[in-house]
Amino acid sequence: MYIYNVTINIEESAHDEWRTWIETQIAVVLDTGHFMSAKFTEVLIDEEMGGKTYSVQFTAKTKEDLNAYYQFDAARIQKSGVEKFGERMLSFRTELKIINEFFPTTSH
């Protein structure tokens, strides 16, 4: 499996509007059919440049699913954020390949 991670820093002035918008956008990405699930998290750091930082992690079953997202949907979806928030939002993307998952062998 693969994780498509989008890390976003949003300026305080746009934060509340962005929070509503991003949850809609997560649904838009999931509705493309290329991902199985998404996690929306706040990055717990004090950012030097200000604003708040978040991460959205989309899980894809195969590399082909991820590539199909890039080919057919990514540019259109990314463009909507740039048009709406411009320089008030800074984002970067990373891909992660899940090698193995580990779980506790005993419960506490």
N, C-alpha and C. Protein backbone atom coordinates (compact mmCIF):
# COMPACT_ATOMS: atom_id res chain seq x y z
N MET A 1 0.83 -1.18 0.00
CA MET A 1 0.00 0.00 0.00
C MET A 1 0.88 1.24 0.00
N TYR A 2 0.24 2.36 -0.38
CA TYR A 2 0.95 3.62 -0.50
C TYR A 2 0.19 4.72 0.24
N ILE A 3 0.95 5.66 0.76
CA ILE A 3 0.36 6.84 1.39
C ILE A 3 0.78 8.05 0.57
N TYR A 4 -0.21 8.82 0.16
CA TYR A 4 0.01 10.09 -0.51
C TYR A 4 -0.22 11.15 0.56
N ASN A 5 0.86 11.78 1.00
CA ASN A 5 0.81 12.73 2.11
C ASN A 5 0.89 14.16 1.58
N VAL A 6 -0.07 14.98 2.00
CA VAL A 6 -0.05 16.40 1.66
C VAL A 6 0.09 17.17 2.96
N THR A 7 1.18 17.92 3.09
CA THR A 7 1.42 18.75 4.27
C THR A 7 1.12 20.19 3.88
N ILE A 8 0.30 20.85 4.68
CA ILE A 8 -0.18 22.19 4.36
C ILE A 8 0.03 23.13 5.53
N ASN A 9 0.57 24.32 5.25
CA ASN A 9 0.61 25.39 6.23
C ASN A 9 -0.37 26.45 5.75
N ILE A 10 -1.28 26.85 6.64
CA ILE A 10 -2.29 27.84 6.29
C ILE A 10 -2.15 29.04 7.22
N GLU A 11 -2.20 30.24 6.66
CA GLU A 11 -2.12 31.46 7.46
C GLU A 11 -3.32 31.57 8.38
N GLU A 12 -3.11 32.17 9.53
CA GLU A 12 -4.19 32.36 10.51
C GLU A 12 -5.38 33.09 9.91
N SER A 13 -5.13 34.07 9.04
CA SER A 13 -6.22 34.88 8.47
C SER A 13 -7.19 34.05 7.62
N ALA A 14 -6.74 32.92 7.11
CA ALA A 14 -7.57 32.07 6.25
C ALA A 14 -7.94 30.76 6.92
N HIS A 15 -7.50 30.56 8.15
CA HIS A 15 -7.61 29.26 8.80
C HIS A 15 -9.04 28.73 8.87
N ASP A 16 -9.96 29.50 9.39
CA ASP A 16 -11.32 28.99 9.59
C ASP A 16 -11.99 28.62 8.27
N GLU A 17 -11.84 29.47 7.28
CA GLU A 17 -12.39 29.17 5.95
C GLU A 17 -11.74 27.92 5.37
N TRP A 18 -10.42 27.81 5.52
CA TRP A 18 -9.68 26.68 4.99
C TRP A 18 -10.11 25.37 5.65
N ARG A 19 -10.32 25.38 6.98
CA ARG A 19 -10.73 24.15 7.68
C ARG A 19 -12.02 23.58 7.12
N THR A 20 -12.97 24.43 6.82
CA THR A 20 -14.22 23.97 6.22
C THR A 20 -13.96 23.45 4.81
N TRP A 21 -13.17 24.18 4.05
CA TRP A 21 -12.88 23.83 2.66
C TRP A 21 -12.11 22.51 2.56
N ILE A 22 -11.11 22.30 3.42
CA ILE A 22 -10.26 21.11 3.27
C ILE A 22 -11.05 19.83 3.48
N GLU A 23 -12.00 19.82 4.39
CA GLU A 23 -12.77 18.60 4.61
C GLU A 23 -13.62 18.27 3.38
N THR A 24 -14.09 19.29 2.69
CA THR A 24 -14.80 19.07 1.43
C THR A 24 -13.83 18.52 0.38
N GLN A 25 -12.62 19.07 0.35
CA GLN A 25 -11.62 18.63 -0.63
C GLN A 25 -11.18 17.19 -0.38
N ILE A 26 -11.07 16.80 0.88
CA ILE A 26 -10.72 15.41 1.18
C ILE A 26 -11.77 14.48 0.58
N ALA A 27 -13.03 14.84 0.71
CA ALA A 27 -14.11 14.03 0.13
C ALA A 27 -14.00 14.00 -1.39
N VAL A 28 -13.64 15.13 -2.00
CA VAL A 28 -13.46 15.18 -3.46
C VAL A 28 -12.37 14.20 -3.89
N VAL A 29 -11.24 14.20 -3.18
CA VAL A 29 -10.14 13.29 -3.53
C VAL A 29 -10.58 11.84 -3.35
N LEU A 30 -11.24 11.53 -2.25
CA LEU A 30 -11.71 10.16 -2.04
C LEU A 30 -12.70 9.73 -3.11
N ASP A 31 -13.53 10.65 -3.56
CA ASP A 31 -14.53 10.33 -4.58
C ASP A 31 -13.93 10.05 -5.96
N THR A 32 -12.62 10.30 -6.13
CA THR A 32 -11.99 9.94 -7.41
C THR A 32 -11.89 8.42 -7.54
N GLY A 33 -11.99 7.70 -6.43
CA GLY A 33 -11.91 6.25 -6.47
C GLY A 33 -10.50 5.68 -6.42
N HIS A 34 -9.50 6.54 -6.28
CA HIS A 34 -8.11 6.08 -6.28
C HIS A 34 -7.57 5.76 -4.89
N PHE A 35 -8.32 6.15 -3.84
CA PHE A 35 -7.84 5.96 -2.48
C PHE A 35 -8.88 5.23 -1.64
N MET A 36 -8.39 4.49 -0.64
CA MET A 36 -9.26 3.71 0.24
C MET A 36 -9.71 4.51 1.46
N SER A 37 -8.87 5.43 1.92
CA SER A 37 -9.19 6.19 3.13
C SER A 37 -8.30 7.42 3.21
N ALA A 38 -8.62 8.27 4.19
CA ALA A 38 -7.80 9.46 4.43
C ALA A 38 -7.76 9.74 5.92
N LYS A 39 -6.65 10.30 6.37
CA LYS A 39 -6.50 10.79 7.75
C LYS A 39 -6.13 12.26 7.68
N PHE A 40 -6.80 13.06 8.50
CA PHE A 40 -6.55 14.50 8.57
C PHE A 40 -5.97 14.78 9.94
N THR A 41 -4.74 15.30 9.98
CA THR A 41 -4.07 15.50 11.26
C THR A 41 -3.48 16.91 11.35
N GLU A 42 -3.35 17.38 12.58
CA GLU A 42 -2.66 18.63 12.84
C GLU A 42 -1.22 18.31 13.21
N VAL A 43 -0.28 19.01 12.60
CA VAL A 43 1.13 18.83 12.91
C VAL A 43 1.41 19.67 14.16
N LEU A 44 1.89 19.03 15.20
CA LEU A 44 2.05 19.69 16.50
C LEU A 44 3.44 20.32 16.65
N ILE A 45 3.65 21.38 15.89
CA ILE A 45 4.89 22.16 15.99
C ILE A 45 4.53 23.63 15.99
N ASP A 46 5.42 24.44 16.55
CA ASP A 46 5.28 25.89 16.40
C ASP A 46 6.04 26.26 15.15
N GLU A 47 5.30 26.69 14.14
CA GLU A 47 5.89 27.00 12.84
C GLU A 47 6.53 28.38 12.87
N GLU A 48 7.81 28.46 12.48
CA GLU A 48 8.54 29.73 12.45
C GLU A 48 7.84 30.76 11.57
N MET A 49 7.26 30.31 10.48
CA MET A 49 6.64 31.24 9.54
C MET A 49 5.21 31.60 9.96
N GLY A 50 4.76 31.03 11.08
CA GLY A 50 3.40 31.32 11.55
C GLY A 50 2.39 30.37 10.94
N GLY A 51 1.13 30.64 11.19
CA GLY A 51 0.07 29.80 10.68
C GLY A 51 -0.01 28.47 11.40
N LYS A 52 -0.83 27.59 10.87
CA LYS A 52 -0.97 26.24 11.41
C LYS A 52 -0.63 25.25 10.31
N THR A 53 -0.09 24.11 10.71
CA THR A 53 0.32 23.09 9.76
C THR A 53 -0.50 21.83 9.96
N TYR A 54 -0.91 21.25 8.86
CA TYR A 54 -1.72 20.03 8.86
C TYR A 54 -1.14 19.03 7.87
N SER A 55 -1.57 17.78 8.03
CA SER A 55 -1.21 16.72 7.10
C SER A 55 -2.47 15.95 6.75
N VAL A 56 -2.62 15.66 5.47
CA VAL A 56 -3.69 14.77 5.02
C VAL A 56 -3.01 13.58 4.37
N GLN A 57 -3.33 12.39 4.86
CA GLN A 57 -2.71 11.17 4.35
C GLN A 57 -3.78 10.32 3.69
N PHE A 58 -3.63 10.13 2.37
CA PHE A 58 -4.55 9.30 1.59
C PHE A 58 -3.89 7.94 1.36
N THR A 59 -4.61 6.87 1.62
CA THR A 59 -4.07 5.52 1.44
C THR A 59 -4.56 4.94 0.12
N ALA A 60 -3.61 4.53 -0.71
CA ALA A 60 -3.90 3.89 -2.00
C ALA A 60 -3.49 2.42 -1.92
N LYS A 61 -4.26 1.58 -2.54
CA LYS A 61 -3.96 0.14 -2.51
C LYS A 61 -2.73 -0.19 -3.35
N THR A 62 -2.60 0.47 -4.53
CA THR A 62 -1.49 0.15 -5.44
C THR A 62 -0.83 1.42 -5.95
N LYS A 63 0.37 1.26 -6.48
CA LYS A 63 1.07 2.37 -7.13
C LYS A 63 0.29 2.82 -8.36
N GLU A 64 -0.38 1.89 -9.02
CA GLU A 64 -1.19 2.22 -10.19
C GLU A 64 -2.34 3.16 -9.81
N ASP A 65 -2.95 2.93 -8.65
CA ASP A 65 -4.01 3.82 -8.17
C ASP A 65 -3.46 5.23 -7.96
N LEU A 66 -2.29 5.31 -7.36
CA LEU A 66 -1.67 6.60 -7.11
C LEU A 66 -1.32 7.30 -8.43
N ASN A 67 -0.76 6.55 -9.35
CA ASN A 67 -0.42 7.13 -10.66
C ASN A 67 -1.67 7.59 -11.41
N ALA A 68 -2.76 6.86 -11.30
CA ALA A 68 -4.01 7.25 -11.95
C ALA A 68 -4.52 8.57 -11.36
N TYR A 69 -4.37 8.74 -10.06
CA TYR A 69 -4.76 10.01 -9.43
C TYR A 69 -3.94 11.16 -10.03
N TYR A 70 -2.62 10.96 -10.13
CA TYR A 70 -1.77 12.00 -10.72
C TYR A 70 -2.19 12.31 -12.16
N GLN A 71 -2.46 11.28 -12.91
CA GLN A 71 -2.76 11.43 -14.34
C GLN A 71 -4.11 12.11 -14.59
N PHE A 72 -5.12 11.74 -13.82
CA PHE A 72 -6.48 12.17 -14.14
C PHE A 72 -7.06 13.26 -13.24
N ASP A 73 -6.57 13.41 -12.01
CA ASP A 73 -7.27 14.26 -11.06
C ASP A 73 -6.42 15.28 -10.31
N ALA A 74 -5.16 15.00 -10.07
CA ALA A 74 -4.34 15.81 -9.16
C ALA A 74 -4.28 17.28 -9.57
N ALA A 75 -3.99 17.56 -10.82
CA ALA A 75 -3.81 18.95 -11.25
C ALA A 75 -5.09 19.77 -11.02
N ARG A 76 -6.23 19.21 -11.37
CA ARG A 76 -7.50 19.91 -11.20
C ARG A 76 -7.79 20.19 -9.73
N ILE A 77 -7.56 19.20 -8.88
CA ILE A 77 -7.86 19.36 -7.46
C ILE A 77 -6.88 20.32 -6.79
N GLN A 78 -5.61 20.22 -7.13
CA GLN A 78 -4.62 21.13 -6.55
C GLN A 78 -4.86 22.57 -6.99
N LYS A 79 -5.30 22.76 -8.22
CA LYS A 79 -5.56 24.09 -8.76
C LYS A 79 -6.64 24.80 -7.95
N SER A 80 -7.64 24.07 -7.49
CA SER A 80 -8.73 24.72 -6.75
C SER A 80 -8.23 25.35 -5.46
N GLY A 81 -7.27 24.72 -4.78
CA GLY A 81 -6.70 25.29 -3.56
C GLY A 81 -5.87 26.52 -3.83
N VAL A 82 -5.09 26.47 -4.90
CA VAL A 82 -4.25 27.61 -5.27
C VAL A 82 -5.14 28.80 -5.63
N GLU A 83 -6.20 28.54 -6.39
CA GLU A 83 -7.10 29.63 -6.78
C GLU A 83 -7.81 30.24 -5.57
N LYS A 84 -8.19 29.41 -4.60
CA LYS A 84 -8.96 29.89 -3.46
C LYS A 84 -8.09 30.60 -2.41
N PHE A 85 -6.89 30.03 -2.14
CA PHE A 85 -6.08 30.54 -1.02
C PHE A 85 -4.76 31.18 -1.43
N GLY A 86 -4.33 30.95 -2.64
CA GLY A 86 -3.11 31.58 -3.15
C GLY A 86 -1.94 31.42 -2.21
N GLU A 87 -1.26 32.53 -1.91
CA GLU A 87 -0.06 32.50 -1.07
C GLU A 87 -0.36 32.37 0.41
N ARG A 88 -1.63 32.34 0.78
CA ARG A 88 -1.97 32.13 2.19
C ARG A 88 -1.82 30.66 2.59
N MET A 89 -1.62 29.80 1.58
CA MET A 89 -1.49 28.36 1.81
C MET A 89 -0.21 27.88 1.13
N LEU A 90 0.59 27.14 1.87
CA LEU A 90 1.80 26.53 1.33
C LEU A 90 1.67 25.04 1.54
N SER A 91 1.93 24.25 0.48
CA SER A 91 1.79 22.80 0.64
C SER A 91 2.91 22.08 -0.10
N PHE A 92 3.20 20.88 0.37
CA PHE A 92 4.10 19.99 -0.35
C PHE A 92 3.59 18.56 -0.19
N ARG A 93 3.98 17.73 -1.13
CA ARG A 93 3.47 16.36 -1.18
C ARG A 93 4.61 15.35 -1.13
N THR A 94 4.34 14.25 -0.46
CA THR A 94 5.30 13.15 -0.43
C THR A 94 4.55 11.84 -0.61
N GLU A 95 5.24 10.86 -1.15
CA GLU A 95 4.70 9.50 -1.28
C GLU A 95 5.44 8.59 -0.31
N LEU A 96 4.70 7.71 0.31
CA LEU A 96 5.30 6.73 1.22
C LEU A 96 4.82 5.34 0.81
N LYS A 97 5.70 4.40 0.82
CA LYS A 97 5.33 3.01 0.55
C LYS A 97 5.33 2.27 1.88
N ILE A 98 4.22 1.64 2.21
CA ILE A 98 4.13 0.89 3.46
C ILE A 98 4.87 -0.43 3.26
N ILE A 99 5.89 -0.64 4.07
CA ILE A 99 6.68 -1.86 4.01
C ILE A 99 6.05 -2.94 4.89
N ASN A 100 5.67 -2.53 6.10
CA ASN A 100 5.08 -3.47 7.05
C ASN A 100 4.35 -2.66 8.10
N GLU A 101 3.38 -3.27 8.74
CA GLU A 101 2.69 -2.65 9.86
C GLU A 101 2.87 -3.55 11.07
N PHE A 102 3.02 -2.94 12.22
CA PHE A 102 3.25 -3.69 13.45
C PHE A 102 2.20 -3.29 14.48
N PHE A 103 1.78 -4.25 15.25
CA PHE A 103 0.79 -4.03 16.28
C PHE A 103 1.26 -4.69 17.57
N PRO A 104 0.81 -4.23 18.71
CA PRO A 104 1.22 -4.85 19.99
C PRO A 104 0.82 -6.32 20.01
N THR A 105 1.68 -7.11 20.63
CA THR A 105 1.35 -8.54 20.74
C THR A 105 0.52 -8.84 21.99
N THR A 106 0.53 -7.90 22.91
CA THR A 106 -0.29 -8.07 24.12
C THR A 106 -1.05 -6.77 24.37
N SER A 107 -2.16 -6.88 25.04
CA SER A 107 -2.91 -5.67 25.40
C SER A 107 -2.55 -5.27 26.82
N HIS A 108 -2.61 -3.98 27.07
CA HIS A 108 -2.27 -3.46 28.41
C HIS A 108 -3.48 -2.91 29.07
